PDB file of N, CA and C in Angstrom:
ATOM      1  N   MET A   1    -102.347   9.569 -36.837  1.00  0.00           N
ATOM      2  CA  MET A   1    -100.996   9.302 -36.395  1.00  0.00           C
ATOM      3  C   MET A   1    -100.540  10.449 -35.486  1.00  0.00           C
ATOM      4  N   GLU A   2     -99.979  10.096 -34.366  1.00  0.00           N
ATOM      5  CA  GLU A   2     -99.485  11.085 -33.408  1.00  0.00           C
ATOM      6  C   GLU A   2     -98.016  11.382 -33.701  1.00  0.00           C
ATOM      7  N   ILE A   3     -97.686  12.658 -33.767  1.00  0.00           N
ATOM      8  CA  ILE A   3     -96.303  13.064 -34.023  1.00  0.00           C
ATOM      9  C   ILE A   3     -95.729  13.675 -32.758  1.00  0.00           C
ATOM     10  N   HIS A   4     -94.612  13.156 -32.320  1.00  0.00           N
ATOM     11  CA  HIS A   4     -93.932  13.689 -31.137  1.00  0.00           C
ATOM     12  C   HIS A   4     -92.793  14.580 -31.597  1.00  0.00           C
ATOM     13  N   ARG A   5     -92.757  15.783 -31.058  1.00  0.00           N
ATOM     14  CA  ARG A   5     -91.673  16.721 -31.360  1.00  0.00           C
ATOM     15  C   ARG A   5     -90.965  17.060 -30.060  1.00  0.00           C
ATOM     16  N   PHE A   6     -89.659  17.162 -30.143  1.00  0.00           N
ATOM     17  CA  PHE A   6     -88.832  17.451 -28.981  1.00  0.00           C
ATOM     18  C   PHE A   6     -88.077  18.747 -29.218  1.00  0.00           C
ATOM     19  N   LYS A   7     -88.207  19.666 -28.278  1.00  0.00           N
ATOM     20  CA  LYS A   7     -87.486  20.929 -28.354  1.00  0.00           C
ATOM     21  C   LYS A   7     -86.236  20.777 -27.492  1.00  0.00           C
ATOM     22  N   PHE A   8     -85.100  21.261 -27.992  1.00  0.00           N
ATOM     23  CA  PHE A   8     -83.855  21.141 -27.249  1.00  0.00           C
ATOM     24  C   PHE A   8     -83.006  22.374 -27.466  1.00  0.00           C
ATOM     25  N   LEU A   9     -81.990  22.512 -26.632  1.00  0.00           N
ATOM     26  CA  LEU A   9     -81.097  23.657 -26.682  1.00  0.00           C
ATOM     27  C   LEU A   9     -79.682  23.165 -26.929  1.00  0.00           C
ATOM     28  N   LEU A  10     -79.043  23.671 -27.981  1.00  0.00           N
ATOM     29  CA  LEU A  10     -77.645  23.351 -28.277  1.00  0.00           C
ATOM     30  C   LEU A  10     -76.784  24.462 -27.694  1.00  0.00           C
ATOM     31  N   ASP A  11     -75.852  24.092 -26.831  1.00  0.00           N
ATOM     32  CA  ASP A  11     -74.984  25.094 -26.210  1.00  0.00           C
ATOM     33  C   ASP A  11     -73.591  24.509 -26.062  1.00  0.00           C
ATOM     34  N   ASP A  12     -72.671  24.938 -26.925  1.00  0.00           N
ATOM     35  CA  ASP A  12     -71.296  24.449 -26.842  1.00  0.00           C
ATOM     36  C   ASP A  12     -70.392  25.426 -26.107  1.00  0.00           C
ATOM     37  N   GLY A  13     -70.963  26.516 -25.626  1.00  0.00           N
ATOM     38  CA  GLY A  13     -70.189  27.477 -24.864  1.00  0.00           C
ATOM     39  C   GLY A  13     -69.397  28.456 -25.706  1.00  0.00           C
ATOM     40  N   THR A  14     -69.411  28.297 -27.018  1.00  0.00           N
ATOM     41  CA  THR A  14     -68.633  29.192 -27.873  1.00  0.00           C
ATOM     42  C   THR A  14     -69.506  30.219 -28.585  1.00  0.00           C
ATOM     43  N   ALA A  15     -70.811  30.022 -28.539  1.00  0.00           N
ATOM     44  CA  ALA A  15     -71.759  30.928 -29.187  1.00  0.00           C
ATOM     45  C   ALA A  15     -73.042  30.921 -28.358  1.00  0.00           C
ATOM     46  N   PRO A  16     -73.945  31.853 -28.614  1.00  0.00           N
ATOM     47  CA  PRO A  16     -75.212  31.824 -27.877  1.00  0.00           C
ATOM     48  C   PRO A  16     -75.938  30.497 -28.104  1.00  0.00           C
ATOM     49  N   PRO A  17     -76.647  29.991 -27.084  1.00  0.00           N
ATOM     50  CA  PRO A  17     -77.399  28.745 -27.238  1.00  0.00           C
ATOM     51  C   PRO A  17     -78.398  28.841 -28.391  1.00  0.00           C
ATOM     52  N   LEU A  18     -78.630  27.713 -29.034  1.00  0.00           N
ATOM     53  CA  LEU A  18     -79.513  27.644 -30.193  1.00  0.00           C
ATOM     54  C   LEU A  18     -80.659  26.683 -29.888  1.00  0.00           C
ATOM     55  N   ALA A  19     -81.894  27.163 -29.950  1.00  0.00           N
ATOM     56  CA  ALA A  19     -83.070  26.323 -29.708  1.00  0.00           C
ATOM     57  C   ALA A  19     -83.489  25.665 -31.018  1.00  0.00           C
ATOM     58  N   GLU A  20     -83.721  24.367 -30.967  1.00  0.00           N
ATOM     59  CA  GLU A  20     -84.122  23.597 -32.147  1.00  0.00           C
ATOM     60  C   GLU A  20     -85.233  22.631 -31.770  1.00  0.00           C
ATOM     61  N   THR A  21     -85.859  22.041 -32.771  1.00  0.00           N
ATOM     62  CA  THR A  21     -86.914  21.045 -32.582  1.00  0.00           C
ATOM     63  C   THR A  21     -86.647  19.879 -33.525  1.00  0.00           C
ATOM     64  N   ILE A  22     -86.940  18.662 -33.041  1.00  0.00           N
ATOM     65  CA  ILE A  22     -86.779  17.476 -33.881  1.00  0.00           C
ATOM     66  C   ILE A  22     -87.942  16.531 -33.612  1.00  0.00           C
ATOM     67  N   SER A  23     -88.394  15.852 -34.644  1.00  0.00           N
ATOM     68  CA  SER A  23     -89.472  14.874 -34.472  1.00  0.00           C
ATOM     69  C   SER A  23     -88.871  13.531 -34.058  1.00  0.00           C
ATOM     70  N   LEU A  24     -89.692  12.719 -33.428  1.00  0.00           N
ATOM     71  CA  LEU A  24     -89.252  11.385 -33.039  1.00  0.00           C
ATOM     72  C   LEU A  24     -88.855  10.584 -34.275  1.00  0.00           C
ATOM     73  N   ARG A  25     -89.596  10.725 -35.338  1.00  0.00           N
ATOM     74  CA  ARG A  25     -89.293   9.992 -36.572  1.00  0.00           C
ATOM     75  C   ARG A  25     -87.908  10.362 -37.110  1.00  0.00           C
ATOM     76  N   THR A  26     -87.599  11.662 -37.142  1.00  0.00           N
ATOM     77  CA  THR A  26     -86.288  12.113 -37.615  1.00  0.00           C
ATOM     78  C   THR A  26     -85.189  11.622 -36.686  1.00  0.00           C
ATOM     79  N   ALA A  27     -85.427  11.681 -35.382  1.00  0.00           N
ATOM     80  CA  ALA A  27     -84.439  11.193 -34.416  1.00  0.00           C
ATOM     81  C   ALA A  27     -84.139   9.719 -34.666  1.00  0.00           C
ATOM     82  N   ARG A  28     -85.160   8.933 -34.939  1.00  0.00           N
ATOM     83  CA  ARG A  28     -84.959   7.498 -35.211  1.00  0.00           C
ATOM     84  C   ARG A  28     -84.085   7.273 -36.445  1.00  0.00           C
ATOM     85  N   VAL A  29     -84.352   8.026 -37.497  1.00  0.00           N
ATOM     86  CA  VAL A  29     -83.574   7.879 -38.736  1.00  0.00           C
ATOM     87  C   VAL A  29     -82.109   8.227 -38.488  1.00  0.00           C
ATOM     88  N   ILE A  30     -81.866   9.309 -37.780  1.00  0.00           N
ATOM     89  CA  ILE A  30     -80.486   9.727 -37.504  1.00  0.00           C
ATOM     90  C   ILE A  30     -79.773   8.684 -36.657  1.00  0.00           C
ATOM     91  N   VAL A  31     -80.420   8.201 -35.604  1.00  0.00           N
ATOM     92  CA  VAL A  31     -79.801   7.208 -34.718  1.00  0.00           C
ATOM     93  C   VAL A  31     -79.497   5.916 -35.474  1.00  0.00           C
ATOM     94  N   GLU A  32     -80.371   5.520 -36.385  1.00  0.00           N
ATOM     95  CA  GLU A  32     -80.147   4.299 -37.165  1.00  0.00           C
ATOM     96  C   GLU A  32     -78.955   4.417 -38.103  1.00  0.00           C
ATOM     97  N   ASN A  33     -78.618   5.637 -38.498  1.00  0.00           N
ATOM     98  CA  ASN A  33     -77.593   5.829 -39.522  1.00  0.00           C
ATOM     99  C   ASN A  33     -76.286   6.428 -39.037  1.00  0.00           C
ATOM    100  N   LEU A  34     -76.211   6.848 -37.789  1.00  0.00           N
ATOM    101  CA  LEU A  34     -74.978   7.437 -37.267  1.00  0.00           C
ATOM    102  C   LEU A  34     -74.531   6.716 -36.008  1.00  0.00           C
ATOM    103  N   GLU A  35     -73.235   6.450 -35.915  1.00  0.00           N
ATOM    104  CA  GLU A  35     -72.692   5.761 -34.751  1.00  0.00           C
ATOM    105  C   GLU A  35     -72.037   6.707 -33.763  1.00  0.00           C
ATOM    106  N   ASP A  36     -71.683   7.903 -34.206  1.00  0.00           N
ATOM    107  CA  ASP A  36     -70.941   8.833 -33.361  1.00  0.00           C
ATOM    108  C   ASP A  36     -71.659   9.049 -32.037  1.00  0.00           C
ATOM    109  N   GLY A  37     -70.901   9.124 -30.974  1.00  0.00           N
ATOM    110  CA  GLY A  37     -71.480   9.307 -29.651  1.00  0.00           C
ATOM    111  C   GLY A  37     -71.376  10.718 -29.142  1.00  0.00           C
ATOM    112  N   ASN A  38     -71.373  11.726 -30.033  1.00  0.00           N
ATOM    113  CA  ASN A  38     -71.294  13.095 -29.531  1.00  0.00           C
ATOM    114  C   ASN A  38     -72.577  13.439 -28.780  1.00  0.00           C
ATOM    115  N   ALA A  39     -72.604  14.604 -28.156  1.00  0.00           N
ATOM    116  CA  ALA A  39     -73.724  14.993 -27.302  1.00  0.00           C
ATOM    117  C   ALA A  39     -75.057  14.957 -28.047  1.00  0.00           C
ATOM    118  N   PHE A  40     -75.074  15.435 -29.274  1.00  0.00           N
ATOM    119  CA  PHE A  40     -76.311  15.459 -30.051  1.00  0.00           C
ATOM    120  C   PHE A  40     -76.834  14.044 -30.284  1.00  0.00           C
ATOM    121  N   ILE A  41     -75.957  13.139 -30.687  1.00  0.00           N
ATOM    122  CA  ILE A  41     -76.371  11.753 -30.934  1.00  0.00           C
ATOM    123  C   ILE A  41     -76.797  11.086 -29.631  1.00  0.00           C
ATOM    124  N   LYS A  42     -76.083  11.353 -28.535  1.00  0.00           N
ATOM    125  CA  LYS A  42     -76.486  10.797 -27.233  1.00  0.00           C
ATOM    126  C   LYS A  42     -77.900  11.239 -26.874  1.00  0.00           C
ATOM    127  N   MET A  43     -78.199  12.517 -27.119  1.00  0.00           N
ATOM    128  CA  MET A  43     -79.534  13.033 -26.835  1.00  0.00           C
ATOM    129  C   MET A  43     -80.575  12.319 -27.702  1.00  0.00           C
ATOM    130  N   LEU A  44     -80.286  12.171 -28.989  1.00  0.00           N
ATOM    131  CA  LEU A  44     -81.230  11.496 -29.881  1.00  0.00           C
ATOM    132  C   LEU A  44     -81.424  10.039 -29.478  1.00  0.00           C
ATOM    133  N   GLN A  45     -80.353   9.373 -29.060  1.00  0.00           N
ATOM    134  CA  GLN A  45     -80.466   7.986 -28.604  1.00  0.00           C
ATOM    135  C   GLN A  45     -81.378   7.892 -27.385  1.00  0.00           C
ATOM    136  N   ALA A  46     -81.260   8.852 -26.467  1.00  0.00           N
ATOM    137  CA  ALA A  46     -82.117   8.861 -25.279  1.00  0.00           C
ATOM    138  C   ALA A  46     -83.577   9.076 -25.670  1.00  0.00           C
ATOM    139  N   ILE A  47     -83.818   9.952 -26.633  1.00  0.00           N
ATOM    140  CA  ILE A  47     -85.182  10.199 -27.111  1.00  0.00           C
ATOM    141  C   ILE A  47     -85.757   8.926 -27.723  1.00  0.00           C
ATOM    142  N   VAL A  48     -84.994   8.282 -28.583  1.00  0.00           N
ATOM    143  CA  VAL A  48     -85.464   7.079 -29.280  1.00  0.00           C
ATOM    144  C   VAL A  48     -85.706   5.928 -28.300  1.00  0.00           C
ATOM    145  N   LYS A  49     -84.853   5.783 -27.296  1.00  0.00           N
ATOM    146  CA  LYS A  49     -84.989   4.683 -26.328  1.00  0.00           C
ATOM    147  C   LYS A  49     -86.134   4.891 -25.340  1.00  0.00           C
ATOM    148  N   ALA A  50     -86.531   6.145 -25.120  1.00  0.00           N
ATOM    149  CA  ALA A  50     -87.551   6.448 -24.115  1.00  0.00           C
ATOM    150  C   ALA A  50     -88.931   5.960 -24.549  1.00  0.00           C
ATOM    151  N   GLN A  51     -89.674   5.433 -23.586  1.00  0.00           N
ATOM    152  CA  GLN A  51     -91.076   5.103 -23.810  1.00  0.00           C
ATOM    153  C   GLN A  51     -91.881   6.399 -23.706  1.00  0.00           C
ATOM    154  N   THR A  52     -93.063   6.426 -24.282  1.00  0.00           N
ATOM    155  CA  THR A  52     -93.885   7.636 -24.266  1.00  0.00           C
ATOM    156  C   THR A  52     -94.051   8.188 -22.853  1.00  0.00           C
ATOM    157  N   ALA A  53     -94.266   7.336 -21.884  1.00  0.00           N
ATOM    158  CA  ALA A  53     -94.459   7.772 -20.497  1.00  0.00           C
ATOM    159  C   ALA A  53     -93.187   8.368 -19.890  1.00  0.00           C
ATOM    160  N   GLU A  54     -92.046   8.150 -20.525  1.00  0.00           N
ATOM    161  CA  GLU A  54     -90.766   8.648 -20.007  1.00  0.00           C
ATOM    162  C   GLU A  54     -90.320   9.958 -20.653  1.00  0.00           C
ATOM    163  N   TYR A  55     -91.079  10.484 -21.600  1.00  0.00           N
ATOM    164  CA  TYR A  55     -90.660  11.701 -22.302  1.00  0.00           C
ATOM    165  C   TYR A  55     -90.437  12.868 -21.345  1.00  0.00           C
ATOM    166  N   ASP A  56     -91.295  13.020 -20.343  1.00  0.00           N
ATOM    167  CA  ASP A  56     -91.123  14.121 -19.387  1.00  0.00           C
ATOM    168  C   ASP A  56     -89.816  14.000 -18.608  1.00  0.00           C
ATOM    169  N   ASP A  57     -89.313  12.788 -18.440  1.00  0.00           N
ATOM    170  CA  ASP A  57     -88.047  12.578 -17.724  1.00  0.00           C
ATOM    171  C   ASP A  57     -86.852  13.108 -18.510  1.00  0.00           C
ATOM    172  N   LEU A  58     -87.019  13.351 -19.797  1.00  0.00           N
ATOM    173  CA  LEU A  58     -85.928  13.872 -20.621  1.00  0.00           C
ATOM    174  C   LEU A  58     -85.717  15.373 -20.414  1.00  0.00           C
ATOM    175  N   VAL A  59     -86.739  16.056 -19.911  1.00  0.00           N
ATOM    176  CA  VAL A  59     -86.658  17.508 -19.715  1.00  0.00           C
ATOM    177  C   VAL A  59     -85.551  17.835 -18.712  1.00  0.00           C
ATOM    178  N   GLY A  60     -84.665  18.728 -19.110  1.00  0.00           N
ATOM    179  CA  GLY A  60     -83.582  19.165 -18.233  1.00  0.00           C
ATOM    180  C   GLY A  60     -82.333  18.308 -18.276  1.00  0.00           C
ATOM    181  N   ARG A  61     -82.373  17.199 -19.001  1.00  0.00           N
ATOM    182  CA  ARG A  61     -81.170  16.353 -19.092  1.00  0.00           C
ATOM    183  C   ARG A  61     -80.100  17.050 -19.901  1.00  0.00           C
ATOM    184  N   VAL A  62     -78.863  16.824 -19.516  1.00  0.00           N
ATOM    185  CA  VAL A  62     -77.716  17.407 -20.212  1.00  0.00           C
ATOM    186  C   VAL A  62     -76.904  16.262 -20.799  1.00  0.00           C
ATOM    187  N   PHE A  63     -76.493  16.421 -22.039  1.00  0.00           N
ATOM    188  CA  PHE A  63     -75.706  15.410 -22.734  1.00  0.00           C
ATOM    189  C   PHE A  63     -74.365  16.034 -23.105  1.00  0.00           C
ATOM    190  N   PRO A  64     -73.344  15.832 -22.262  1.00  0.00           N
ATOM    191  CA  PRO A  64     -72.033  16.441 -22.546  1.00  0.00           C
ATOM    192  C   PRO A  64     -71.372  15.807 -23.764  1.00  0.00           C
ATOM    193  N   ASP A  65     -70.631  16.618 -24.467  1.00  0.00           N
ATOM    194  CA  ASP A  65     -69.930  16.161 -25.661  1.00  0.00           C
ATOM    195  C   ASP A  65     -68.625  15.483 -25.267  1.00  0.00           C
ATOM    196  N   HIS A  66     -68.134  14.585 -26.110  1.00  0.00           N
ATOM    197  CA  HIS A  66     -66.864  13.917 -25.836  1.00  0.00           C
ATOM    198  C   HIS A  66     -65.683  14.687 -26.397  1.00  0.00           C
ATOM    199  N   PHE A  67     -65.930  15.796 -27.085  1.00  0.00           N
ATOM    200  CA  PHE A  67     -64.832  16.615 -27.587  1.00  0.00           C
ATOM    201  C   PHE A  67     -64.403  17.577 -26.497  1.00  0.00           C
ATOM    202  N   LYS A  68     -63.119  17.646 -26.243  1.00  0.00           N
ATOM    203  CA  LYS A  68     -62.644  18.572 -25.223  1.00  0.00           C
ATOM    204  C   LYS A  68     -62.632  19.987 -25.787  1.00  0.00           C
ATOM    205  N   GLU A  69     -62.890  20.931 -24.908  1.00  0.00           N
ATOM    206  CA  GLU A  69     -62.842  22.321 -25.324  1.00  0.00           C
ATOM    207  C   GLU A  69     -61.395  22.708 -25.557  1.00  0.00           C
ATOM    208  N   SER A  70     -61.183  23.588 -26.498  1.00  0.00           N
ATOM    209  CA  SER A  70     -59.818  23.988 -26.810  1.00  0.00           C
ATOM    210  C   SER A  70     -59.719  25.514 -26.862  1.00  0.00           C
ATOM    211  N   PRO A  71     -59.775  26.176 -25.685  1.00  0.00           N
ATOM    212  CA  PRO A  71     -59.709  27.630 -25.663  1.00  0.00           C
ATOM    213  C   PRO A  71     -58.365  28.161 -26.154  1.00  0.00           C
ATOM    214  N   ASP A  72     -57.344  27.304 -26.159  1.00  0.00           N
ATOM    215  CA  ASP A  72     -56.017  27.728 -26.601  1.00  0.00           C
ATOM    216  C   ASP A  72     -55.825  27.528 -28.105  1.00  0.00           C
ATOM    217  N   GLY A  73     -56.898  27.176 -28.799  1.00  0.00           N
ATOM    218  CA  GLY A  73     -56.802  26.988 -30.244  1.00  0.00           C
ATOM    219  C   GLY A  73     -56.360  25.595 -30.639  1.00  0.00           C
ATOM    220  N   GLY A  74     -56.366  24.645 -29.688  1.00  0.00           N
ATOM    221  CA  GLY A  74     -55.990  23.267 -29.990  1.00  0.00           C
ATOM    222  C   GLY A  74     -56.985  22.616 -30.937  1.00  0.00           C
ATOM    223  N   ASP A  75     -56.738  21.394 -31.276  1.00  0.00           N
ATOM    224  CA  ASP A  75     -57.568  20.675 -32.237  1.00  0.00           C
ATOM    225  C   ASP A  75     -58.880  20.229 -31.589  1.00  0.00           C
ATOM    226  N   PRO A  76     -60.018  20.852 -31.933  1.00  0.00           N
ATOM    227  CA  PRO A  76     -61.292  20.481 -31.321  1.00  0.00           C
ATOM    228  C   PRO A  76     -61.828  19.143 -31.809  1.00  0.00           C
ATOM    229  N   THR A  77     -61.153  18.514 -32.771  1.00  0.00           N
ATOM    230  CA  THR A  77     -61.616  17.214 -33.243  1.00  0.00           C
ATOM    231  C   THR A  77     -61.046  16.075 -32.411  1.00  0.00           C
ATOM    232  N   GLN A  78     -60.229  16.380 -31.427  1.00  0.00           N
ATOM    233  CA  GLN A  78     -59.681  15.344 -30.556  1.00  0.00           C
ATOM    234  C   GLN A  78     -60.644  15.061 -29.414  1.00  0.00           C
ATOM    235  N   ARG A  79     -60.869  13.810 -29.120  1.00  0.00           N
ATOM    236  CA  ARG A  79     -61.747  13.434 -28.024  1.00  0.00           C
ATOM    237  C   ARG A  79     -61.015  13.613 -26.708  1.00  0.00           C
ATOM    238  N   CYS A  80     -61.766  13.541 -25.618  1.00  0.00           N
ATOM    239  CA  CYS A  80     -61.173  13.688 -24.288  1.00  0.00           C
ATOM    240  C   CYS A  80     -60.085  12.654 -24.036  1.00  0.00           C
ATOM    241  N   ASP A  81     -60.209  11.487 -24.649  1.00  0.00           N
ATOM    242  CA  ASP A  81     -59.201  10.454 -24.445  1.00  0.00           C
ATOM    243  C   ASP A  81     -58.029  10.604 -25.416  1.00  0.00           C
ATOM    244  N   GLY A  82     -58.050  11.677 -26.228  1.00  0.00           N
ATOM    245  CA  GLY A  82     -56.952  11.943 -27.145  1.00  0.00           C
ATOM    246  C   GLY A  82     -57.106  11.294 -28.507  1.00  0.00           C
ATOM    247  N   ALA A  83     -58.082  10.408 -28.644  1.00  0.00           N
ATOM    248  CA  ALA A  83     -58.285   9.724 -29.922  1.00  0.00           C
ATOM    249  C   ALA A  83     -59.084  10.604 -30.868  1.00  0.00           C
ATOM    250  N   SER A  84     -58.851  10.444 -32.129  1.00  0.00           N
ATOM    251  CA  SER A  84     -59.620  11.184 -33.123  1.00  0.00           C
ATOM    252  C   SER A  84     -60.973  10.511 -33.295  1.00  0.00           C
ATOM    253  N   PRO A  85     -62.059  11.286 -33.387  1.00  0.00           N
ATOM    254  CA  PRO A  85     -63.380  10.676 -33.553  1.00  0.00           C
ATOM    255  C   PRO A  85     -63.601  10.095 -34.939  1.00  0.00           C
ATOM    256  N   LEU A  86     -62.707  10.369 -35.857  1.00  0.00           N
ATOM    257  CA  LEU A  86     -62.890   9.881 -37.220  1.00  0.00           C
ATOM    258  C   LEU A  86     -62.270   8.538 -37.423  1.00  0.00           C
TER     259      LEU A  86
END
C-alpha cells in the first residue's frame, strides 16, 4: 500500500509559521467529518480532490482563511462577511 504524505506550512501572521505533515488518509477522514471552510479545511479538500498526477500542482498554493484579522483586539471568530462561523 502506498502512503501519500503532504507537508504544509500554517501561517496566520500572528506567530512564526508552523510546518506540519498529514497523510492522505487522515485528510480524507477530516474532510468527511468537518464542514467548516477555513483555510486548513480548504487545503485538505484540495488534497482529497486531487488526482495523484495533480499532487505537484498543490505545491505553493495558498488557502486564505475566512476569518478576518483583528489587530485591534476584535472578535477573531467573526467571518469576513460578519457572520459567526458557529
